[in-house]
């Protein structure tokens, strides 16, 4: 049995879960998330927990067991607390600012780059413009939007300039070294 799949998903107070066949809806004060699950996987409400069960021991069902449990757990965590990713901007003159709901990046191009948020995603730039926080209730959407922002100007290995995640380590390379006597 899957080690992840057999763990119950704790449901905190204030989170409402509706299971309608293969459709799961998780609702709270922060918002609502819906997902459809594979028909061979069943969700069972037991007390204050949610259990994920599979019908057979086939390879596909074993794979879906842990995946479904992780997706449902992320939905519950998202509507209860939310998710956020922090991006750091390094480089002389590089900065970010919010204009309305959108994020405007000045990262060395001839024009500012405007990033529009997906539904349910919010941007927060600090006052210096060197730190951007992407937050929302859908973990997948938060990660995708943060990745899209990072790909506007990924960090380069020589000076470390660009946009990187807060916990990302950029491997630095040595620059050119002049050859003596050549």
N, C-alpha and C. Protein backbone atom coordinates (compact mmCIF):
# COMPACT_ATOMS: atom_id res chain seq x y z
N UNK A 1 0.84 -1.19 0.00
CA UNK A 1 0.00 0.00 0.00
C UNK A 1 0.88 1.24 0.00
N UNK A 2 0.42 2.27 -0.64
CA UNK A 2 1.17 3.51 -0.73
C UNK A 2 1.34 4.14 0.65
N UNK A 3 2.57 4.53 0.95
CA UNK A 3 2.81 5.15 2.25
C UNK A 3 2.14 6.52 2.34
N UNK A 4 2.11 7.23 1.22
CA UNK A 4 1.45 8.54 1.21
C UNK A 4 -0.06 8.34 1.18
N UNK A 5 -0.54 7.44 0.33
CA UNK A 5 -1.97 7.25 0.14
C UNK A 5 -2.71 6.76 1.36
N UNK A 6 -2.04 5.99 2.20
CA UNK A 6 -2.76 5.45 3.36
C UNK A 6 -2.85 6.43 4.53
N UNK A 7 -2.13 7.55 4.45
CA UNK A 7 -2.22 8.56 5.51
C UNK A 7 -3.55 9.31 5.39
N UNK A 8 -4.26 9.51 6.48
CA UNK A 8 -5.50 10.29 6.40
C UNK A 8 -5.21 11.77 6.17
N UNK A 9 -6.14 12.45 5.53
CA UNK A 9 -6.03 13.89 5.30
C UNK A 9 -6.80 14.58 6.41
N UNK A 10 -6.12 15.27 7.34
CA UNK A 10 -6.85 15.96 8.40
C UNK A 10 -7.62 17.16 7.84
N UNK A 11 -8.87 17.29 8.26
CA UNK A 11 -9.70 18.39 7.79
C UNK A 11 -9.88 19.38 8.94
N UNK A 12 -9.28 20.58 8.83
CA UNK A 12 -9.40 21.55 9.92
C UNK A 12 -10.81 22.13 10.03
N UNK A 13 -11.09 22.76 11.16
CA UNK A 13 -12.39 23.40 11.36
C UNK A 13 -12.56 24.53 10.35
N UNK A 14 -13.78 24.69 9.85
CA UNK A 14 -14.07 25.75 8.90
C UNK A 14 -13.89 25.33 7.46
N UNK A 15 -13.42 24.09 7.23
CA UNK A 15 -13.25 23.60 5.86
C UNK A 15 -14.36 22.60 5.59
N UNK A 16 -15.08 22.83 4.50
CA UNK A 16 -16.22 22.00 4.14
C UNK A 16 -15.87 21.20 2.89
N UNK A 17 -16.04 19.86 2.96
CA UNK A 17 -15.70 19.00 1.82
C UNK A 17 -16.96 18.33 1.31
N UNK A 18 -17.19 18.42 0.01
CA UNK A 18 -18.34 17.77 -0.63
C UNK A 18 -17.81 16.77 -1.64
N UNK A 19 -18.26 15.51 -1.53
CA UNK A 19 -17.85 14.45 -2.45
C UNK A 19 -19.08 14.04 -3.25
N UNK A 20 -19.03 14.28 -4.56
CA UNK A 20 -20.16 13.94 -5.43
C UNK A 20 -19.65 13.02 -6.53
N UNK A 21 -19.68 11.74 -6.27
CA UNK A 21 -19.16 10.76 -7.23
C UNK A 21 -17.65 10.91 -7.34
N UNK A 22 -17.17 11.30 -8.53
CA UNK A 22 -15.73 11.48 -8.72
C UNK A 22 -15.34 12.96 -8.66
N UNK A 23 -16.23 13.81 -8.15
CA UNK A 23 -15.96 15.24 -8.05
C UNK A 23 -15.81 15.62 -6.58
N UNK A 24 -14.72 16.31 -6.26
CA UNK A 24 -14.45 16.74 -4.89
C UNK A 24 -14.44 18.27 -4.86
N UNK A 25 -15.17 18.85 -3.91
CA UNK A 25 -15.20 20.29 -3.73
C UNK A 25 -14.77 20.60 -2.31
N UNK A 26 -13.77 21.47 -2.16
CA UNK A 26 -13.27 21.88 -0.85
C UNK A 26 -13.52 23.38 -0.74
N UNK A 27 -14.19 23.78 0.35
CA UNK A 27 -14.62 25.16 0.48
C UNK A 27 -14.26 25.69 1.87
N UNK A 28 -13.87 26.95 1.92
CA UNK A 28 -13.55 27.61 3.18
C UNK A 28 -13.72 29.11 3.00
N UNK A 29 -13.34 29.86 4.02
CA UNK A 29 -13.47 31.32 3.94
C UNK A 29 -12.53 31.93 2.89
N UNK A 30 -11.42 31.27 2.59
CA UNK A 30 -10.48 31.79 1.60
C UNK A 30 -10.95 31.56 0.16
N UNK A 31 -11.77 30.53 -0.05
CA UNK A 31 -12.24 30.26 -1.40
C UNK A 31 -12.69 28.83 -1.57
N UNK A 32 -12.82 28.43 -2.82
CA UNK A 32 -13.32 27.09 -3.14
C UNK A 32 -12.47 26.48 -4.25
N UNK A 33 -12.14 25.20 -4.10
CA UNK A 33 -11.40 24.46 -5.12
C UNK A 33 -12.18 23.21 -5.49
N UNK A 34 -12.16 22.86 -6.77
CA UNK A 34 -12.82 21.65 -7.24
C UNK A 34 -11.84 20.83 -8.06
N UNK A 35 -12.00 19.52 -7.99
CA UNK A 35 -11.15 18.62 -8.77
C UNK A 35 -11.92 17.33 -9.00
N UNK A 36 -11.72 16.75 -10.15
CA UNK A 36 -12.33 15.46 -10.40
C UNK A 36 -11.25 14.40 -10.24
N UNK A 37 -11.59 13.30 -9.58
CA UNK A 37 -10.61 12.24 -9.32
C UNK A 37 -10.94 11.02 -10.17
N UNK A 38 -9.99 10.14 -10.27
CA UNK A 38 -10.14 8.93 -11.09
C UNK A 38 -11.23 8.05 -10.50
N UNK A 39 -12.04 7.38 -11.34
CA UNK A 39 -13.13 6.56 -10.82
C UNK A 39 -12.70 5.37 -9.96
N UNK A 40 -11.46 4.91 -10.11
CA UNK A 40 -11.02 3.76 -9.30
C UNK A 40 -10.55 4.17 -7.91
N UNK A 41 -10.55 5.46 -7.62
CA UNK A 41 -10.16 5.96 -6.29
C UNK A 41 -11.41 6.48 -5.59
N UNK A 42 -11.53 6.14 -4.30
CA UNK A 42 -12.70 6.56 -3.51
C UNK A 42 -12.25 7.41 -2.34
N UNK A 43 -13.02 8.43 -2.02
CA UNK A 43 -12.77 9.25 -0.83
C UNK A 43 -13.85 8.93 0.19
N UNK A 44 -13.41 8.69 1.43
CA UNK A 44 -14.34 8.34 2.51
C UNK A 44 -14.11 9.30 3.66
N UNK A 45 -15.18 9.89 4.15
CA UNK A 45 -15.12 10.79 5.31
C UNK A 45 -15.22 9.96 6.57
N UNK A 46 -14.24 10.06 7.46
CA UNK A 46 -14.24 9.29 8.70
C UNK A 46 -13.88 10.22 9.85
N UNK A 47 -14.87 10.66 10.59
CA UNK A 47 -14.64 11.59 11.69
C UNK A 47 -14.17 12.93 11.13
N UNK A 48 -13.04 13.42 11.64
CA UNK A 48 -12.48 14.69 11.18
C UNK A 48 -11.44 14.50 10.10
N UNK A 49 -11.35 13.28 9.55
CA UNK A 49 -10.34 12.99 8.54
C UNK A 49 -10.99 12.54 7.24
N UNK A 50 -10.20 12.56 6.19
CA UNK A 50 -10.62 12.09 4.88
C UNK A 50 -9.67 10.98 4.48
N UNK A 51 -10.22 9.81 4.13
CA UNK A 51 -9.39 8.68 3.73
C UNK A 51 -9.50 8.46 2.24
N UNK A 52 -8.37 8.11 1.63
CA UNK A 52 -8.32 7.82 0.20
C UNK A 52 -8.14 6.31 0.05
N UNK A 53 -9.06 5.67 -0.69
CA UNK A 53 -9.01 4.22 -0.87
C UNK A 53 -8.98 3.89 -2.34
N UNK A 54 -8.29 2.79 -2.68
CA UNK A 54 -8.24 2.34 -4.06
C UNK A 54 -8.96 1.01 -4.20
N UNK A 55 -9.42 0.70 -5.41
CA UNK A 55 -10.21 -0.51 -5.62
C UNK A 55 -9.36 -1.75 -5.81
N UNK A 56 -8.21 -1.62 -6.46
CA UNK A 56 -7.39 -2.81 -6.76
C UNK A 56 -5.92 -2.51 -6.50
N UNK A 57 -5.09 -3.50 -6.74
CA UNK A 57 -3.65 -3.36 -6.52
C UNK A 57 -2.88 -3.23 -7.83
N UNK A 58 -3.55 -2.79 -8.89
CA UNK A 58 -2.84 -2.63 -10.15
C UNK A 58 -1.85 -1.47 -10.03
N UNK A 59 -0.89 -1.45 -10.93
CA UNK A 59 0.15 -0.42 -10.87
C UNK A 59 -0.46 0.98 -11.01
N UNK A 60 -1.42 1.14 -11.90
CA UNK A 60 -2.05 2.44 -12.10
C UNK A 60 -2.80 2.89 -10.84
N UNK A 61 -3.54 1.98 -10.22
CA UNK A 61 -4.28 2.34 -9.02
C UNK A 61 -3.35 2.68 -7.86
N UNK A 62 -2.23 1.98 -7.76
CA UNK A 62 -1.27 2.29 -6.70
C UNK A 62 -0.67 3.68 -6.92
N UNK A 63 -0.39 4.01 -8.18
CA UNK A 63 0.16 5.33 -8.48
C UNK A 63 -0.87 6.43 -8.20
N UNK A 64 -2.10 6.20 -8.58
CA UNK A 64 -3.16 7.19 -8.38
C UNK A 64 -3.51 7.37 -6.91
N UNK A 65 -3.27 6.34 -6.10
CA UNK A 65 -3.61 6.39 -4.68
C UNK A 65 -2.86 7.52 -3.98
N UNK A 66 -1.55 7.52 -4.08
CA UNK A 66 -0.74 8.54 -3.44
C UNK A 66 -0.93 9.91 -4.08
N UNK A 67 -1.07 9.94 -5.40
CA UNK A 67 -1.28 11.20 -6.12
C UNK A 67 -2.57 11.87 -5.67
N UNK A 68 -3.64 11.11 -5.62
CA UNK A 68 -4.94 11.66 -5.23
C UNK A 68 -4.90 12.18 -3.81
N UNK A 69 -4.26 11.45 -2.92
CA UNK A 69 -4.16 11.88 -1.52
C UNK A 69 -3.40 13.20 -1.43
N UNK A 70 -2.30 13.32 -2.18
CA UNK A 70 -1.50 14.55 -2.15
C UNK A 70 -2.29 15.72 -2.74
N UNK A 71 -3.02 15.50 -3.82
CA UNK A 71 -3.80 16.57 -4.44
C UNK A 71 -4.92 17.06 -3.51
N UNK A 72 -5.61 16.11 -2.86
CA UNK A 72 -6.69 16.48 -1.95
C UNK A 72 -6.12 17.20 -0.72
N UNK A 73 -4.99 16.73 -0.21
CA UNK A 73 -4.36 17.37 0.95
C UNK A 73 -3.94 18.80 0.60
N UNK A 74 -3.43 19.02 -0.63
CA UNK A 74 -3.06 20.37 -1.06
C UNK A 74 -4.29 21.26 -1.21
N UNK A 75 -5.40 20.69 -1.63
CA UNK A 75 -6.64 21.47 -1.73
C UNK A 75 -7.09 21.92 -0.34
N UNK A 76 -7.05 21.00 0.63
CA UNK A 76 -7.48 21.32 1.99
C UNK A 76 -6.55 22.37 2.61
N UNK A 77 -5.24 22.20 2.45
CA UNK A 77 -4.29 23.18 2.97
C UNK A 77 -4.46 24.53 2.30
N UNK A 78 -4.72 24.53 1.00
CA UNK A 78 -4.87 25.77 0.25
C UNK A 78 -6.05 26.60 0.71
N UNK A 79 -7.21 25.97 0.91
CA UNK A 79 -8.37 26.75 1.33
C UNK A 79 -8.31 27.10 2.81
N UNK A 80 -7.53 26.35 3.58
CA UNK A 80 -7.40 26.66 5.01
C UNK A 80 -6.36 27.76 5.26
N UNK A 81 -5.18 27.68 4.61
CA UNK A 81 -4.09 28.62 4.89
C UNK A 81 -3.63 29.40 3.67
N UNK A 82 -3.69 28.79 2.50
CA UNK A 82 -3.18 29.40 1.28
C UNK A 82 -1.72 29.02 1.07
N UNK A 83 -1.22 29.29 -0.11
CA UNK A 83 0.16 29.00 -0.47
C UNK A 83 0.82 30.28 -0.97
N UNK A 84 2.14 30.35 -0.82
CA UNK A 84 2.86 31.50 -1.37
C UNK A 84 4.28 31.08 -1.75
N UNK A 85 4.81 31.77 -2.75
CA UNK A 85 6.19 31.58 -3.18
C UNK A 85 6.83 32.96 -3.23
N UNK A 86 8.08 33.03 -2.78
CA UNK A 86 8.80 34.29 -2.74
C UNK A 86 9.89 34.26 -3.81
N UNK A 87 9.95 35.31 -4.61
CA UNK A 87 10.97 35.46 -5.65
C UNK A 87 11.84 36.66 -5.32
N UNK A 88 13.14 36.53 -5.53
CA UNK A 88 14.08 37.61 -5.29
C UNK A 88 14.62 38.10 -6.63
N UNK A 89 14.75 39.42 -6.76
CA UNK A 89 15.25 40.02 -7.99
C UNK A 89 16.60 40.64 -7.69
N UNK A 90 17.63 40.19 -8.42
CA UNK A 90 18.98 40.70 -8.21
C UNK A 90 19.50 41.30 -9.49
N UNK A 91 20.15 42.45 -9.37
CA UNK A 91 20.75 43.11 -10.53
C UNK A 91 20.57 44.61 -10.40
N UNK A 92 21.54 45.35 -10.88
CA UNK A 92 21.48 46.80 -10.81
C UNK A 92 20.34 47.31 -11.70
N UNK A 93 19.44 48.05 -11.11
CA UNK A 93 18.31 48.60 -11.84
C UNK A 93 17.15 47.64 -12.01
N UNK A 94 17.29 46.40 -11.59
CA UNK A 94 16.21 45.43 -11.69
C UNK A 94 15.25 45.66 -10.54
N UNK A 95 13.95 45.73 -10.85
CA UNK A 95 12.97 45.89 -9.79
C UNK A 95 11.60 45.46 -10.28
N UNK A 96 10.68 45.32 -9.33
CA UNK A 96 9.31 44.94 -9.64
C UNK A 96 8.37 45.84 -8.86
N UNK A 97 7.19 46.06 -9.43
CA UNK A 97 6.17 46.83 -8.74
C UNK A 97 4.81 46.34 -9.17
N UNK A 98 3.82 46.55 -8.30
CA UNK A 98 2.47 46.16 -8.65
C UNK A 98 1.72 47.38 -9.18
N UNK A 99 0.98 47.16 -10.25
CA UNK A 99 0.12 48.20 -10.82
C UNK A 99 -1.27 47.58 -10.93
N UNK A 100 -2.14 47.95 -9.98
CA UNK A 100 -3.44 47.29 -9.91
C UNK A 100 -3.23 45.85 -9.46
N UNK A 101 -3.75 44.90 -10.22
CA UNK A 101 -3.55 43.48 -9.90
C UNK A 101 -2.29 42.93 -10.56
N UNK A 102 -1.77 43.61 -11.58
CA UNK A 102 -0.65 43.09 -12.37
C UNK A 102 0.68 43.40 -11.72
N UNK A 103 1.70 42.66 -12.15
CA UNK A 103 3.07 42.85 -11.70
C UNK A 103 3.87 43.37 -12.89
N UNK A 104 4.62 44.45 -12.68
CA UNK A 104 5.43 45.03 -13.74
C UNK A 104 6.90 44.83 -13.36
N UNK A 105 7.65 44.17 -14.25
CA UNK A 105 9.05 43.86 -14.01
C UNK A 105 9.94 44.71 -14.90
N UNK A 106 10.93 45.37 -14.32
CA UNK A 106 11.97 46.06 -15.07
C UNK A 106 13.26 45.28 -14.83
N UNK A 107 13.59 44.41 -15.78
CA UNK A 107 14.73 43.51 -15.58
C UNK A 107 15.69 43.54 -16.76
N UNK A 108 16.02 44.73 -17.24
CA UNK A 108 17.07 44.86 -18.23
C UNK A 108 16.63 44.79 -19.67
N UNK A 109 15.36 44.66 -19.96
CA UNK A 109 14.89 44.69 -21.34
C UNK A 109 14.61 46.15 -21.72
N UNK A 110 14.35 46.38 -22.99
CA UNK A 110 14.08 47.74 -23.46
C UNK A 110 12.69 48.21 -23.05
N UNK A 111 11.91 47.30 -22.51
CA UNK A 111 10.55 47.62 -22.11
C UNK A 111 10.22 46.92 -20.79
N UNK A 112 9.31 47.44 -20.00
CA UNK A 112 8.88 46.73 -18.80
C UNK A 112 8.02 45.52 -19.18
N UNK A 113 8.14 44.44 -18.42
CA UNK A 113 7.37 43.22 -18.67
C UNK A 113 6.20 43.20 -17.70
N UNK A 114 4.99 43.09 -18.24
CA UNK A 114 3.77 43.09 -17.42
C UNK A 114 3.28 41.66 -17.29
N UNK A 115 3.06 41.20 -16.06
CA UNK A 115 2.57 39.85 -15.79
C UNK A 115 1.18 39.98 -15.18
N UNK A 116 0.19 39.44 -15.89
CA UNK A 116 -1.20 39.46 -15.40
C UNK A 116 -1.42 38.22 -14.53
N UNK A 117 -2.13 38.36 -13.40
CA UNK A 117 -2.34 37.20 -12.53
C UNK A 117 -3.45 36.29 -13.06
N UNK A 118 -3.31 34.99 -12.76
CA UNK A 118 -4.40 34.05 -13.02
C UNK A 118 -5.50 34.31 -11.99
N UNK A 119 -6.64 33.70 -12.18
CA UNK A 119 -7.75 33.86 -11.26
C UNK A 119 -7.36 33.32 -9.87
N UNK A 120 -7.48 34.13 -8.85
CA UNK A 120 -7.17 33.70 -7.48
C UNK A 120 -5.73 33.91 -7.06
N UNK A 121 -4.90 34.50 -7.91
CA UNK A 121 -3.50 34.73 -7.59
C UNK A 121 -3.30 36.22 -7.31
N UNK A 122 -2.52 36.52 -6.26
CA UNK A 122 -2.22 37.92 -5.95
C UNK A 122 -0.70 38.10 -5.88
N UNK A 123 -0.25 39.30 -6.24
CA UNK A 123 1.16 39.65 -6.20
C UNK A 123 1.37 40.70 -5.11
N UNK A 124 2.53 40.61 -4.45
CA UNK A 124 2.91 41.62 -3.47
C UNK A 124 4.40 41.90 -3.66
N UNK A 125 4.74 43.13 -4.02
CA UNK A 125 6.14 43.52 -4.19
C UNK A 125 6.53 44.40 -3.02
N UNK A 126 7.74 44.20 -2.48
CA UNK A 126 8.17 45.03 -1.36
C UNK A 126 8.48 46.45 -1.85
N UNK A 127 8.72 47.35 -0.92
CA UNK A 127 8.90 48.76 -1.29
C UNK A 127 10.17 49.01 -2.10
N UNK A 128 11.20 48.17 -1.96
CA UNK A 128 12.42 48.34 -2.75
C UNK A 128 12.31 47.71 -4.13
N UNK A 129 11.33 46.82 -4.32
CA UNK A 129 11.14 46.17 -5.61
C UNK A 129 12.05 44.99 -5.85
N UNK A 130 12.66 44.46 -4.79
CA UNK A 130 13.59 43.34 -4.94
C UNK A 130 13.00 42.01 -4.49
N UNK A 131 11.78 42.03 -3.93
CA UNK A 131 11.17 40.82 -3.41
C UNK A 131 9.71 40.79 -3.85
N UNK A 132 9.30 39.68 -4.48
CA UNK A 132 7.93 39.53 -4.96
C UNK A 132 7.34 38.27 -4.31
N UNK A 133 6.14 38.40 -3.77
CA UNK A 133 5.44 37.25 -3.19
C UNK A 133 4.23 36.94 -4.05
N UNK A 134 4.15 35.68 -4.51
CA UNK A 134 3.02 35.20 -5.29
C UNK A 134 2.19 34.34 -4.35
N UNK A 135 0.91 34.64 -4.16
CA UNK A 135 0.11 33.87 -3.22
C UNK A 135 -1.26 33.55 -3.79
N UNK A 136 -1.86 32.48 -3.27
CA UNK A 136 -3.17 32.03 -3.71
C UNK A 136 -3.55 30.76 -2.99
N UNK A 137 -4.73 30.20 -3.32
CA UNK A 137 -5.17 28.98 -2.63
C UNK A 137 -4.85 27.72 -3.42
N UNK A 138 -4.55 27.84 -4.71
CA UNK A 138 -4.25 26.69 -5.55
C UNK A 138 -2.74 26.53 -5.68
N UNK A 139 -2.18 25.47 -5.09
CA UNK A 139 -0.73 25.28 -5.08
C UNK A 139 -0.16 25.18 -6.49
N UNK A 140 -0.87 24.49 -7.35
CA UNK A 140 -0.41 24.31 -8.72
C UNK A 140 -0.34 25.65 -9.46
N UNK A 141 -1.35 26.48 -9.31
CA UNK A 141 -1.39 27.78 -9.98
C UNK A 141 -0.32 28.72 -9.43
N UNK A 142 -0.11 28.71 -8.11
CA UNK A 142 0.92 29.57 -7.49
C UNK A 142 2.30 29.18 -8.02
N UNK A 143 2.58 27.89 -8.08
CA UNK A 143 3.87 27.43 -8.58
C UNK A 143 4.07 27.76 -10.05
N UNK A 144 3.02 27.63 -10.86
CA UNK A 144 3.13 27.91 -12.29
C UNK A 144 3.35 29.39 -12.55
N UNK A 145 2.63 30.25 -11.85
CA UNK A 145 2.79 31.69 -12.03
C UNK A 145 4.18 32.13 -11.57
N UNK A 146 4.65 31.59 -10.43
CA UNK A 146 6.00 31.92 -9.96
C UNK A 146 7.05 31.48 -10.97
N UNK A 147 6.86 30.31 -11.56
CA UNK A 147 7.79 29.83 -12.58
C UNK A 147 7.79 30.74 -13.81
N UNK A 148 6.59 31.18 -14.23
CA UNK A 148 6.50 32.07 -15.39
C UNK A 148 7.21 33.40 -15.13
N UNK A 149 7.10 33.91 -13.90
CA UNK A 149 7.80 35.15 -13.55
C UNK A 149 9.30 34.92 -13.57
N UNK A 150 9.75 33.80 -13.02
CA UNK A 150 11.19 33.48 -12.99
C UNK A 150 11.75 33.37 -14.40
N UNK A 151 10.96 32.84 -15.34
CA UNK A 151 11.45 32.64 -16.70
C UNK A 151 11.54 33.94 -17.50
N UNK A 152 11.03 35.06 -16.97
CA UNK A 152 11.20 36.35 -17.64
C UNK A 152 12.69 36.69 -17.69
N UNK A 153 13.42 36.43 -16.60
CA UNK A 153 14.87 36.67 -16.56
C UNK A 153 15.46 35.67 -15.54
N UNK A 154 15.75 34.42 -15.97
CA UNK A 154 16.33 33.44 -15.04
C UNK A 154 17.70 33.90 -14.56
N UNK A 155 18.14 33.45 -13.39
CA UNK A 155 19.45 33.88 -12.88
C UNK A 155 20.58 33.36 -13.76
N UNK A 156 21.54 34.21 -14.02
CA UNK A 156 22.68 33.78 -14.84
C UNK A 156 23.84 33.39 -13.91
N UNK A 157 24.71 32.49 -14.36
CA UNK A 157 25.69 31.90 -13.45
C UNK A 157 26.94 32.74 -13.16
N UNK A 158 27.16 33.84 -13.87
CA UNK A 158 28.40 34.58 -13.67
C UNK A 158 28.27 35.65 -12.59
N UNK A 159 27.24 36.46 -12.65
CA UNK A 159 27.05 37.49 -11.63
C UNK A 159 25.85 37.21 -10.74
N UNK A 160 25.00 36.25 -11.11
CA UNK A 160 23.83 35.92 -10.31
C UNK A 160 22.65 36.85 -10.56
N UNK A 161 22.73 37.67 -11.62
CA UNK A 161 21.64 38.60 -11.91
C UNK A 161 20.43 37.84 -12.44
N UNK A 162 19.24 38.33 -12.09
CA UNK A 162 18.02 37.73 -12.59
C UNK A 162 17.01 37.53 -11.49
N UNK A 163 15.99 36.72 -11.79
CA UNK A 163 14.92 36.43 -10.84
C UNK A 163 15.09 34.99 -10.38
N UNK A 164 15.12 34.79 -9.06
CA UNK A 164 15.27 33.45 -8.52
C UNK A 164 14.32 33.25 -7.35
N UNK A 165 14.08 31.99 -7.01
CA UNK A 165 13.27 31.67 -5.83
C UNK A 165 14.05 32.05 -4.58
N UNK A 166 13.34 32.26 -3.48
CA UNK A 166 13.95 32.67 -2.22
C UNK A 166 14.96 31.63 -1.72
N UNK A 167 14.63 30.35 -1.85
CA UNK A 167 15.51 29.30 -1.32
C UNK A 167 16.40 28.68 -2.39
N UNK A 168 16.43 29.25 -3.59
CA UNK A 168 17.22 28.70 -4.69
C UNK A 168 18.68 29.09 -4.55
N UNK A 169 19.55 28.13 -4.82
CA UNK A 169 20.99 28.38 -4.79
C UNK A 169 21.47 28.43 -6.25
N UNK A 170 22.04 29.55 -6.63
CA UNK A 170 22.54 29.72 -7.99
C UNK A 170 24.01 29.35 -8.00
N UNK A 171 24.35 28.32 -8.77
CA UNK A 171 25.76 27.92 -8.86
C UNK A 171 26.50 28.93 -9.71
N UNK A 172 27.54 29.47 -9.14
CA UNK A 172 28.31 30.52 -9.81
C UNK A 172 29.49 29.90 -10.55
N UNK A 173 29.81 30.48 -11.69
CA UNK A 173 30.95 30.04 -12.49
C UNK A 173 32.05 31.08 -12.39
N UNK A 174 33.27 30.63 -12.55
CA UNK A 174 34.39 31.58 -12.60
C UNK A 174 34.37 32.23 -13.98
N UNK A 175 34.70 33.50 -14.02
CA UNK A 175 34.73 34.21 -15.30
C UNK A 175 35.98 33.88 -16.08
N UNK A 176 36.23 34.62 -17.13
CA UNK A 176 37.45 34.42 -17.91
C UNK A 176 38.67 34.76 -17.09
N UNK A 177 39.72 34.04 -17.31
CA UNK A 177 40.99 34.41 -16.68
C UNK A 177 42.00 34.65 -17.80
N UNK A 178 42.70 35.78 -17.72
CA UNK A 178 43.65 36.14 -18.77
C UNK A 178 44.88 35.22 -18.73
N UNK A 179 45.42 34.92 -19.89
CA UNK A 179 46.58 34.06 -19.98
C UNK A 179 47.84 34.93 -19.97
N UNK A 180 48.75 34.67 -19.05
CA UNK A 180 49.95 35.49 -18.92
C UNK A 180 50.95 35.12 -20.02
N UNK A 181 51.53 36.15 -20.65
CA UNK A 181 52.59 35.92 -21.62
C UNK A 181 52.09 35.51 -23.00
N UNK A 182 50.83 35.61 -23.28
CA UNK A 182 50.34 35.16 -24.57
C UNK A 182 50.21 36.26 -25.56
